[in-house]
């Protein structure tokens, strides 16, 4: 039990520093981020979704964001860039961070112990499990990328500078 408490305390400090730092960067960046070279990141679908949720629900969104994957950083950054008052942000940070630290400490230790036992007793099954997990993650990423292309969206990881892509008319004018 002591190792779980120690891990939870360490994770709590880590999440307070990381999320608080993200909030501070957002606070300092403010509206200037939308006019800088980071504009494409702050206008991605993930950030727009987080911004709408924060505008509508406020601090509870920040607290609940700690229970999600991929939404937490966007929520903290946008709470800062939208200048959420510290009197509303800090309680959400403390509650959400505590939930995150407890979940990761307890579930994390359980998963690590289970994996350690699996690899020690049945190495081939452990390796097969890791391979299946990696294939599943790769399949999900591939599916999301293809779906985004089909729907006419640019995937988050790919940024296309339209000014650098010549159109068909440009190629024809170069031949003259």
N, C-alpha and C. Protein backbone atom coordinates (compact mmCIF):
# COMPACT_ATOMS: atom_id res chain seq x y z
N UNK A 1 0.82 -1.20 0.00
CA UNK A 1 0.00 0.00 0.00
C UNK A 1 0.86 1.26 0.00
N UNK A 2 2.02 1.18 0.64
CA UNK A 2 2.89 2.35 0.70
C UNK A 2 3.39 2.75 -0.68
N UNK A 3 3.65 1.76 -1.53
CA UNK A 3 4.14 2.09 -2.87
C UNK A 3 3.06 2.78 -3.70
N UNK A 4 1.80 2.42 -3.49
CA UNK A 4 0.71 3.08 -4.21
C UNK A 4 0.56 4.52 -3.73
N UNK A 5 0.63 4.73 -2.42
CA UNK A 5 0.52 6.09 -1.87
C UNK A 5 1.67 6.97 -2.36
N UNK A 6 2.87 6.40 -2.38
CA UNK A 6 4.03 7.16 -2.85
C UNK A 6 3.89 7.48 -4.35
N UNK A 7 3.45 6.51 -5.12
CA UNK A 7 3.25 6.73 -6.55
C UNK A 7 2.16 7.77 -6.79
N UNK A 8 1.06 7.69 -6.03
CA UNK A 8 -0.03 8.66 -6.19
C UNK A 8 0.45 10.07 -5.84
N UNK A 9 1.23 10.20 -4.78
CA UNK A 9 1.74 11.52 -4.40
C UNK A 9 2.67 12.07 -5.47
N UNK A 10 3.56 11.21 -5.98
CA UNK A 10 4.48 11.67 -7.04
C UNK A 10 3.72 12.05 -8.29
N UNK A 11 2.74 11.23 -8.68
CA UNK A 11 1.95 11.54 -9.87
C UNK A 11 1.13 12.81 -9.68
N UNK A 12 0.65 13.05 -8.46
CA UNK A 12 -0.11 14.26 -8.18
C UNK A 12 0.76 15.50 -8.38
N UNK A 13 1.98 15.46 -7.87
CA UNK A 13 2.90 16.58 -8.06
C UNK A 13 3.19 16.77 -9.55
N UNK A 14 3.41 15.66 -10.26
CA UNK A 14 3.69 15.74 -11.69
C UNK A 14 2.52 16.36 -12.45
N UNK A 15 1.30 15.90 -12.16
CA UNK A 15 0.15 16.42 -12.90
C UNK A 15 -0.12 17.88 -12.55
N UNK A 16 0.11 18.28 -11.30
CA UNK A 16 -0.07 19.69 -10.95
C UNK A 16 0.91 20.57 -11.71
N UNK A 17 2.16 20.13 -11.79
CA UNK A 17 3.17 20.91 -12.52
C UNK A 17 2.89 20.93 -14.02
N UNK A 18 2.55 19.77 -14.56
CA UNK A 18 2.33 19.67 -16.01
C UNK A 18 1.08 20.44 -16.43
N UNK A 19 -0.04 20.18 -15.77
CA UNK A 19 -1.29 20.86 -16.15
C UNK A 19 -1.24 22.34 -15.80
N UNK A 20 -0.66 22.65 -14.64
CA UNK A 20 -0.51 24.06 -14.27
C UNK A 20 0.41 24.80 -15.24
N UNK A 21 1.46 24.13 -15.68
CA UNK A 21 2.35 24.73 -16.67
C UNK A 21 1.66 24.94 -18.00
N UNK A 22 0.85 23.98 -18.40
CA UNK A 22 0.09 24.13 -19.65
C UNK A 22 -0.88 25.29 -19.55
N UNK A 23 -1.54 25.43 -18.39
CA UNK A 23 -2.45 26.55 -18.15
C UNK A 23 -1.67 27.87 -18.23
N UNK A 24 -0.49 27.92 -17.62
CA UNK A 24 0.32 29.14 -17.61
C UNK A 24 0.77 29.52 -19.02
N UNK A 25 1.16 28.52 -19.81
CA UNK A 25 1.55 28.79 -21.20
C UNK A 25 0.35 29.34 -21.97
N UNK A 26 -0.81 28.74 -21.76
CA UNK A 26 -2.02 29.24 -22.40
C UNK A 26 -2.35 30.66 -21.96
N UNK A 27 -2.17 30.93 -20.68
CA UNK A 27 -2.44 32.27 -20.14
C UNK A 27 -1.53 33.29 -20.80
N UNK A 28 -0.24 32.95 -20.91
CA UNK A 28 0.72 33.88 -21.51
C UNK A 28 0.50 34.04 -23.01
N UNK A 29 0.14 32.96 -23.64
CA UNK A 29 -0.06 33.01 -25.09
C UNK A 29 -1.31 33.80 -25.45
N UNK A 30 -2.38 33.55 -24.71
CA UNK A 30 -3.63 34.28 -24.93
C UNK A 30 -4.08 34.29 -26.37
N UNK A 31 -4.60 35.38 -26.78
CA UNK A 31 -5.10 35.51 -28.14
C UNK A 31 -3.99 35.52 -29.17
N UNK A 32 -2.77 35.83 -28.77
CA UNK A 32 -1.66 35.87 -29.72
C UNK A 32 -1.37 34.52 -30.36
N UNK A 33 -1.73 33.43 -29.69
CA UNK A 33 -1.48 32.10 -30.25
C UNK A 33 -2.24 31.88 -31.55
N UNK A 34 -3.39 32.49 -31.65
CA UNK A 34 -4.20 32.30 -32.86
C UNK A 34 -3.66 33.08 -34.05
N UNK A 35 -2.73 34.01 -33.80
CA UNK A 35 -2.17 34.80 -34.88
C UNK A 35 -0.71 34.44 -35.15
N UNK A 36 -0.22 33.38 -34.54
CA UNK A 36 1.19 33.03 -34.67
C UNK A 36 1.36 31.77 -35.51
N UNK A 37 2.58 31.24 -35.51
CA UNK A 37 2.85 30.01 -36.26
C UNK A 37 2.18 28.80 -35.63
N UNK A 38 1.63 28.94 -34.42
CA UNK A 38 0.92 27.85 -33.77
C UNK A 38 -0.57 27.88 -34.07
N UNK A 39 -0.99 28.75 -34.95
CA UNK A 39 -2.41 28.92 -35.23
C UNK A 39 -3.05 27.64 -35.73
N UNK A 40 -2.33 26.85 -36.54
CA UNK A 40 -2.94 25.63 -37.05
C UNK A 40 -3.19 24.62 -35.95
N UNK A 41 -2.37 24.61 -34.91
CA UNK A 41 -2.59 23.69 -33.79
C UNK A 41 -3.78 24.14 -32.94
N UNK A 42 -3.91 25.43 -32.73
CA UNK A 42 -5.00 25.91 -31.89
C UNK A 42 -6.32 25.97 -32.65
N UNK A 43 -6.30 25.69 -33.94
CA UNK A 43 -7.55 25.66 -34.69
C UNK A 43 -7.92 24.24 -35.10
N UNK A 44 -7.21 23.24 -34.56
CA UNK A 44 -7.55 21.85 -34.88
C UNK A 44 -8.89 21.50 -34.26
N UNK A 45 -9.48 20.43 -34.74
CA UNK A 45 -10.80 20.01 -34.26
C UNK A 45 -10.77 19.73 -32.77
N UNK A 46 -9.68 19.14 -32.27
CA UNK A 46 -9.56 18.81 -30.85
C UNK A 46 -9.61 20.08 -30.00
N UNK A 47 -8.86 21.10 -30.40
CA UNK A 47 -8.83 22.34 -29.64
C UNK A 47 -10.17 23.08 -29.74
N UNK A 48 -10.79 23.08 -30.91
CA UNK A 48 -12.09 23.75 -31.04
C UNK A 48 -13.14 23.07 -30.16
N UNK A 49 -13.12 21.74 -30.10
CA UNK A 49 -14.06 21.00 -29.27
C UNK A 49 -13.83 21.33 -27.79
N UNK A 50 -12.57 21.37 -27.38
CA UNK A 50 -12.25 21.71 -25.99
C UNK A 50 -12.67 23.14 -25.66
N UNK A 51 -12.44 24.05 -26.58
CA UNK A 51 -12.80 25.45 -26.35
C UNK A 51 -14.31 25.61 -26.19
N UNK A 52 -15.09 24.94 -27.04
CA UNK A 52 -16.55 25.01 -26.91
C UNK A 52 -17.01 24.45 -25.57
N UNK A 53 -16.42 23.35 -25.15
CA UNK A 53 -16.80 22.73 -23.88
C UNK A 53 -16.45 23.63 -22.70
N UNK A 54 -15.27 24.26 -22.74
CA UNK A 54 -14.87 25.15 -21.66
C UNK A 54 -15.75 26.39 -21.62
N UNK A 55 -16.09 26.94 -22.77
CA UNK A 55 -16.96 28.10 -22.80
C UNK A 55 -18.34 27.78 -22.23
N UNK A 56 -18.80 26.56 -22.49
CA UNK A 56 -20.14 26.19 -22.04
C UNK A 56 -20.16 25.76 -20.57
N UNK A 57 -19.19 24.94 -20.14
CA UNK A 57 -19.26 24.32 -18.83
C UNK A 57 -18.22 24.84 -17.84
N UNK A 58 -17.13 25.46 -18.31
CA UNK A 58 -16.14 26.05 -17.41
C UNK A 58 -15.28 25.06 -16.65
N UNK A 59 -15.10 25.32 -15.36
CA UNK A 59 -14.18 24.55 -14.52
C UNK A 59 -14.48 23.05 -14.46
N UNK A 60 -15.74 22.61 -14.43
CA UNK A 60 -15.97 21.16 -14.41
C UNK A 60 -15.36 20.44 -15.62
N UNK A 61 -15.29 21.12 -16.76
CA UNK A 61 -14.67 20.51 -17.94
C UNK A 61 -13.19 20.26 -17.67
N UNK A 62 -12.54 21.21 -17.02
CA UNK A 62 -11.12 21.05 -16.70
C UNK A 62 -10.94 19.85 -15.77
N UNK A 63 -11.79 19.73 -14.75
CA UNK A 63 -11.67 18.61 -13.81
C UNK A 63 -11.91 17.28 -14.50
N UNK A 64 -12.93 17.19 -15.32
CA UNK A 64 -13.26 15.93 -16.01
C UNK A 64 -12.23 15.61 -17.09
N UNK A 65 -11.57 16.63 -17.63
CA UNK A 65 -10.58 16.39 -18.69
C UNK A 65 -9.45 15.49 -18.23
N UNK A 66 -9.20 15.44 -16.93
CA UNK A 66 -8.13 14.58 -16.41
C UNK A 66 -8.48 13.10 -16.53
N UNK A 67 -9.73 12.80 -16.78
CA UNK A 67 -10.16 11.41 -16.93
C UNK A 67 -10.19 10.99 -18.39
N UNK A 68 -9.73 11.85 -19.28
CA UNK A 68 -9.73 11.55 -20.71
C UNK A 68 -8.29 11.45 -21.22
N UNK A 69 -8.16 10.94 -22.42
CA UNK A 69 -6.86 10.86 -23.07
C UNK A 69 -6.92 11.78 -24.29
N UNK A 70 -6.01 12.72 -24.37
CA UNK A 70 -5.93 13.59 -25.53
C UNK A 70 -6.70 14.89 -25.40
N UNK A 71 -7.55 15.03 -24.39
CA UNK A 71 -8.36 16.22 -24.22
C UNK A 71 -7.81 17.10 -23.10
N UNK A 72 -7.05 16.49 -22.20
CA UNK A 72 -6.55 17.16 -21.01
C UNK A 72 -5.66 18.36 -21.33
N UNK A 73 -4.69 18.18 -22.19
CA UNK A 73 -3.77 19.28 -22.52
C UNK A 73 -4.51 20.41 -23.20
N UNK A 74 -5.39 20.07 -24.13
CA UNK A 74 -6.17 21.10 -24.83
C UNK A 74 -7.03 21.87 -23.85
N UNK A 75 -7.68 21.19 -22.92
CA UNK A 75 -8.56 21.85 -21.96
C UNK A 75 -7.77 22.80 -21.06
N UNK A 76 -6.60 22.36 -20.57
CA UNK A 76 -5.80 23.22 -19.69
C UNK A 76 -5.23 24.42 -20.44
N UNK A 77 -4.74 24.19 -21.65
CA UNK A 77 -4.19 25.29 -22.45
C UNK A 77 -5.28 26.32 -22.76
N UNK A 78 -6.44 25.83 -23.17
CA UNK A 78 -7.52 26.76 -23.53
C UNK A 78 -8.09 27.47 -22.32
N UNK A 79 -8.14 26.80 -21.18
CA UNK A 79 -8.58 27.48 -19.95
C UNK A 79 -7.65 28.65 -19.66
N UNK A 80 -6.35 28.45 -19.89
CA UNK A 80 -5.41 29.54 -19.69
C UNK A 80 -5.55 30.62 -20.74
N UNK A 81 -5.64 30.22 -22.02
CA UNK A 81 -5.72 31.22 -23.08
C UNK A 81 -7.04 32.00 -23.03
N UNK A 82 -8.08 31.39 -22.45
CA UNK A 82 -9.36 32.08 -22.31
C UNK A 82 -9.42 32.87 -21.00
N UNK A 83 -8.29 32.87 -20.27
CA UNK A 83 -8.15 33.63 -19.03
C UNK A 83 -9.18 33.21 -17.97
N UNK A 84 -9.35 31.88 -17.79
CA UNK A 84 -10.22 31.40 -16.72
C UNK A 84 -9.64 31.88 -15.40
N UNK A 85 -10.45 32.46 -14.53
CA UNK A 85 -9.92 32.96 -13.25
C UNK A 85 -9.31 31.82 -12.43
N UNK A 86 -8.21 32.12 -11.75
CA UNK A 86 -7.54 31.12 -10.93
C UNK A 86 -8.46 30.58 -9.84
N UNK A 87 -9.37 31.40 -9.35
CA UNK A 87 -10.30 30.94 -8.30
C UNK A 87 -11.22 29.83 -8.81
N UNK A 88 -11.40 29.72 -10.11
CA UNK A 88 -12.19 28.63 -10.69
C UNK A 88 -11.30 27.51 -11.20
N UNK A 89 -10.12 27.86 -11.72
CA UNK A 89 -9.24 26.86 -12.32
C UNK A 89 -8.57 25.97 -11.27
N UNK A 90 -8.03 26.58 -10.20
CA UNK A 90 -7.25 25.81 -9.23
C UNK A 90 -8.05 24.69 -8.55
N UNK A 91 -9.30 24.93 -8.10
CA UNK A 91 -10.05 23.80 -7.54
C UNK A 91 -10.26 22.67 -8.56
N UNK A 92 -10.51 23.03 -9.81
CA UNK A 92 -10.68 22.01 -10.85
C UNK A 92 -9.38 21.25 -11.07
N UNK A 93 -8.26 21.95 -11.04
CA UNK A 93 -6.95 21.32 -11.18
C UNK A 93 -6.68 20.37 -10.02
N UNK A 94 -6.96 20.79 -8.79
CA UNK A 94 -6.69 19.95 -7.62
C UNK A 94 -7.56 18.69 -7.62
N UNK A 95 -8.84 18.84 -7.92
CA UNK A 95 -9.75 17.69 -7.92
C UNK A 95 -9.44 16.75 -9.09
N UNK A 96 -9.35 17.30 -10.29
CA UNK A 96 -9.06 16.48 -11.46
C UNK A 96 -7.69 15.82 -11.39
N UNK A 97 -6.70 16.56 -10.91
CA UNK A 97 -5.36 16.01 -10.76
C UNK A 97 -5.31 14.87 -9.75
N UNK A 98 -6.05 15.02 -8.65
CA UNK A 98 -6.10 13.95 -7.64
C UNK A 98 -6.74 12.69 -8.22
N UNK A 99 -7.82 12.86 -8.96
CA UNK A 99 -8.47 11.70 -9.58
C UNK A 99 -7.52 11.02 -10.56
N UNK A 100 -6.84 11.81 -11.38
CA UNK A 100 -5.90 11.27 -12.35
C UNK A 100 -4.78 10.50 -11.65
N UNK A 101 -4.20 11.09 -10.61
CA UNK A 101 -3.08 10.46 -9.91
C UNK A 101 -3.52 9.15 -9.24
N UNK A 102 -4.69 9.14 -8.63
CA UNK A 102 -5.16 7.91 -7.98
C UNK A 102 -5.45 6.81 -8.99
N UNK A 103 -6.07 7.17 -10.09
CA UNK A 103 -6.37 6.17 -11.11
C UNK A 103 -5.09 5.59 -11.70
N UNK A 104 -4.17 6.45 -12.06
CA UNK A 104 -2.93 5.97 -12.66
C UNK A 104 -2.08 5.20 -11.66
N UNK A 105 -2.08 5.60 -10.39
CA UNK A 105 -1.28 4.88 -9.39
C UNK A 105 -1.85 3.49 -9.14
N UNK A 106 -3.16 3.40 -8.93
CA UNK A 106 -3.74 2.10 -8.61
C UNK A 106 -3.82 1.19 -9.83
N UNK A 107 -4.39 1.69 -10.91
CA UNK A 107 -4.49 0.86 -12.12
C UNK A 107 -3.12 0.61 -12.71
N UNK A 108 -2.25 1.59 -12.66
CA UNK A 108 -0.91 1.44 -13.20
C UNK A 108 -0.13 0.34 -12.50
N UNK A 109 -0.18 0.33 -11.16
CA UNK A 109 0.51 -0.72 -10.43
C UNK A 109 -0.11 -2.08 -10.69
N UNK A 110 -1.43 -2.14 -10.77
CA UNK A 110 -2.09 -3.42 -11.05
C UNK A 110 -1.70 -3.97 -12.41
N UNK A 111 -1.68 -3.10 -13.40
CA UNK A 111 -1.31 -3.54 -14.75
C UNK A 111 0.16 -3.95 -14.81
N UNK A 112 1.03 -3.16 -14.19
CA UNK A 112 2.46 -3.51 -14.20
C UNK A 112 2.73 -4.84 -13.49
N UNK A 113 2.07 -5.07 -12.36
CA UNK A 113 2.26 -6.34 -11.65
C UNK A 113 1.72 -7.50 -12.49
N UNK A 114 0.56 -7.30 -13.10
CA UNK A 114 -0.01 -8.34 -13.95
C UNK A 114 0.88 -8.66 -15.15
N UNK A 115 1.41 -7.61 -15.78
CA UNK A 115 2.30 -7.82 -16.92
C UNK A 115 3.60 -8.49 -16.50
N UNK A 116 4.13 -8.08 -15.36
CA UNK A 116 5.35 -8.71 -14.85
C UNK A 116 5.14 -10.19 -14.59
N UNK A 117 4.02 -10.53 -13.99
CA UNK A 117 3.70 -11.94 -13.73
C UNK A 117 3.51 -12.69 -15.04
N UNK A 118 2.81 -12.07 -16.00
CA UNK A 118 2.57 -12.72 -17.28
C UNK A 118 3.88 -13.01 -18.02
N UNK A 119 4.76 -12.01 -18.07
CA UNK A 119 6.03 -12.21 -18.77
C UNK A 119 6.94 -13.20 -18.04
N UNK A 120 6.85 -13.24 -16.71
CA UNK A 120 7.69 -14.18 -15.96
C UNK A 120 7.21 -15.62 -16.12
N UNK A 121 5.88 -15.82 -16.17
CA UNK A 121 5.34 -17.18 -16.21
C UNK A 121 5.09 -17.68 -17.63
N UNK A 122 4.64 -16.80 -18.52
CA UNK A 122 4.31 -17.20 -19.90
C UNK A 122 4.79 -16.12 -20.86
N UNK A 123 6.07 -16.12 -21.13
CA UNK A 123 6.69 -15.08 -21.93
C UNK A 123 6.08 -14.99 -23.33
N UNK A 124 5.86 -16.11 -23.98
CA UNK A 124 5.31 -16.10 -25.34
C UNK A 124 3.93 -15.45 -25.37
N UNK A 125 3.11 -15.75 -24.38
CA UNK A 125 1.78 -15.15 -24.32
C UNK A 125 1.89 -13.63 -24.08
N UNK A 126 2.83 -13.22 -23.25
CA UNK A 126 3.04 -11.79 -23.01
C UNK A 126 3.47 -11.05 -24.26
N UNK A 127 4.41 -11.63 -25.00
CA UNK A 127 4.87 -11.02 -26.24
C UNK A 127 3.73 -10.96 -27.26
N UNK A 128 2.95 -12.04 -27.34
CA UNK A 128 1.81 -12.05 -28.26
C UNK A 128 0.80 -10.97 -27.88
N UNK A 129 0.58 -10.78 -26.59
CA UNK A 129 -0.34 -9.74 -26.13
C UNK A 129 0.13 -8.35 -26.52
N UNK A 130 1.43 -8.11 -26.37
CA UNK A 130 1.99 -6.81 -26.75
C UNK A 130 1.86 -6.59 -28.26
N UNK A 131 2.12 -7.61 -29.04
CA UNK A 131 1.99 -7.51 -30.50
C UNK A 131 0.54 -7.21 -30.89
N UNK A 132 -0.40 -7.91 -30.27
CA UNK A 132 -1.83 -7.67 -30.56
C UNK A 132 -2.21 -6.24 -30.18
N UNK A 133 -1.74 -5.77 -29.04
CA UNK A 133 -2.04 -4.40 -28.62
C UNK A 133 -1.47 -3.38 -29.60
N UNK A 134 -0.24 -3.57 -30.04
CA UNK A 134 0.37 -2.65 -31.01
C UNK A 134 -0.37 -2.67 -32.34
N UNK A 135 -0.77 -3.85 -32.79
CA UNK A 135 -1.54 -3.95 -34.04
C UNK A 135 -2.89 -3.26 -33.90
N UNK A 136 -3.53 -3.41 -32.75
CA UNK A 136 -4.83 -2.76 -32.53
C UNK A 136 -4.69 -1.24 -32.55
N UNK A 137 -3.68 -0.72 -31.87
CA UNK A 137 -3.46 0.73 -31.86
C UNK A 137 -3.15 1.23 -33.27
N UNK A 138 -2.30 0.50 -33.99
CA UNK A 138 -1.99 0.87 -35.38
C UNK A 138 -3.23 0.84 -36.26
N UNK A 139 -4.07 -0.16 -36.07
CA UNK A 139 -5.31 -0.25 -36.84
C UNK A 139 -6.26 0.90 -36.57
N UNK A 140 -6.39 1.27 -35.30
CA UNK A 140 -7.25 2.40 -34.95
C UNK A 140 -6.72 3.69 -35.56
N UNK A 141 -5.41 3.90 -35.48
CA UNK A 141 -4.82 5.12 -36.06
C UNK A 141 -5.01 5.16 -37.57
N UNK A 142 -4.81 4.03 -38.23
CA UNK A 142 -4.99 3.95 -39.67
C UNK A 142 -6.45 4.21 -40.05
N UNK A 143 -7.38 3.62 -39.30
CA UNK A 143 -8.80 3.83 -39.55
C UNK A 143 -9.18 5.30 -39.40
N UNK A 144 -8.70 5.94 -38.33
CA UNK A 144 -9.03 7.35 -38.11
C UNK A 144 -8.46 8.24 -39.20
N UNK A 145 -7.23 7.94 -39.64
CA UNK A 145 -6.61 8.75 -40.70
C UNK A 145 -7.38 8.60 -42.00
N UNK A 146 -7.72 7.36 -42.36
CA UNK A 146 -8.47 7.14 -43.61
C UNK A 146 -9.85 7.76 -43.55
N UNK A 147 -10.52 7.67 -42.40
CA UNK A 147 -11.84 8.27 -42.25
C UNK A 147 -11.76 9.78 -42.38
N UNK A 148 -10.72 10.39 -41.82
CA UNK A 148 -10.55 11.83 -41.91
C UNK A 148 -10.33 12.25 -43.36
N UNK A 149 -9.55 11.46 -44.11
CA UNK A 149 -9.30 11.78 -45.52
C UNK A 149 -10.59 11.64 -46.32
N UNK A 150 -11.36 10.58 -46.05
CA UNK A 150 -12.64 10.39 -46.75
C UNK A 150 -13.61 11.52 -46.49
N UNK A 151 -13.59 12.06 -45.28
CA UNK A 151 -14.53 13.12 -44.92
C UNK A 151 -14.02 14.50 -45.35
N UNK A 152 -12.85 14.53 -45.99
CA UNK A 152 -12.32 15.79 -46.50
C UNK A 152 -11.55 16.59 -45.47
N UNK A 153 -11.27 16.00 -44.32
CA UNK A 153 -10.50 16.69 -43.29
C UNK A 153 -9.03 16.35 -43.46
N UNK A 154 -8.17 17.23 -42.98
CA UNK A 154 -6.75 16.93 -42.94
C UNK A 154 -6.47 16.32 -41.58
N UNK A 155 -5.86 15.13 -41.52
CA UNK A 155 -5.54 14.54 -40.22
C UNK A 155 -4.66 15.47 -39.40
N UNK A 156 -4.77 15.41 -38.06
CA UNK A 156 -4.03 16.31 -37.17
C UNK A 156 -2.54 16.27 -37.40
N UNK A 157 -1.99 15.10 -37.71
CA UNK A 157 -0.53 14.96 -37.83
C UNK A 157 0.00 15.49 -39.16
N UNK A 158 -0.87 15.74 -40.13
CA UNK A 158 -0.43 16.17 -41.45
C UNK A 158 -0.90 17.60 -41.66
N UNK A 159 0.03 18.50 -41.90
CA UNK A 159 -0.30 19.89 -42.18
C UNK A 159 0.15 20.18 -43.60
N UNK A 160 -0.78 20.60 -44.44
CA UNK A 160 -0.46 20.88 -45.83
C UNK A 160 -0.49 22.39 -46.04
N UNK A 161 0.59 22.93 -46.53
CA UNK A 161 0.66 24.35 -46.83
C UNK A 161 0.16 24.52 -48.26
N UNK A 162 -1.05 25.05 -48.40
CA UNK A 162 -1.67 25.15 -49.71
C UNK A 162 -0.89 26.06 -50.65
N UNK A 163 -0.18 27.03 -50.10
CA UNK A 163 0.59 27.93 -50.95
C UNK A 163 1.75 27.20 -51.61
N UNK A 164 2.22 26.11 -50.98
CA UNK A 164 3.37 25.39 -51.53
C UNK A 164 2.96 24.33 -52.55
N UNK A 165 1.67 24.05 -52.65
CA UNK A 165 1.19 23.03 -53.58
C UNK A 165 0.73 23.72 -54.86
N UNK A 166 1.41 23.48 -55.99
CA UNK A 166 1.00 24.15 -57.22
C UNK A 166 -0.32 23.57 -57.73
N UNK A 167 -1.14 24.42 -58.28
CA UNK A 167 -2.39 23.95 -58.86
C UNK A 167 -2.13 23.55 -60.31
N UNK A 168 -3.13 22.94 -60.95
CA UNK A 168 -2.98 22.49 -62.34
C UNK A 168 -2.73 23.69 -63.25
N UNK A 169 -3.34 24.82 -62.93
CA UNK A 169 -3.14 26.02 -63.74
C UNK A 169 -1.72 26.54 -63.66
N UNK A 170 -1.08 26.39 -62.47
CA UNK A 170 0.29 26.83 -62.31
C UNK A 170 1.24 25.99 -63.17
N UNK A 171 1.00 24.69 -63.23
CA UNK A 171 1.88 23.81 -64.00
C UNK A 171 1.76 24.12 -65.49
N UNK A 172 0.56 24.46 -65.94
CA UNK A 172 0.39 24.77 -67.36
C UNK A 172 1.07 26.09 -67.72
N UNK A 173 1.05 27.05 -66.77
CA UNK A 173 1.66 28.33 -67.08
C UNK A 173 3.20 28.25 -67.07
N UNK A 174 3.75 27.23 -66.34
CA UNK A 174 5.20 27.08 -66.31
C UNK A 174 5.75 26.58 -67.65
N UNK A 175 4.94 25.91 -68.46
CA UNK A 175 5.41 25.33 -69.71
C UNK A 175 5.54 26.37 -70.83
N UNK A 176 4.97 27.53 -70.64
CA UNK A 176 5.00 28.50 -71.72
C UNK A 176 6.30 29.23 -71.84
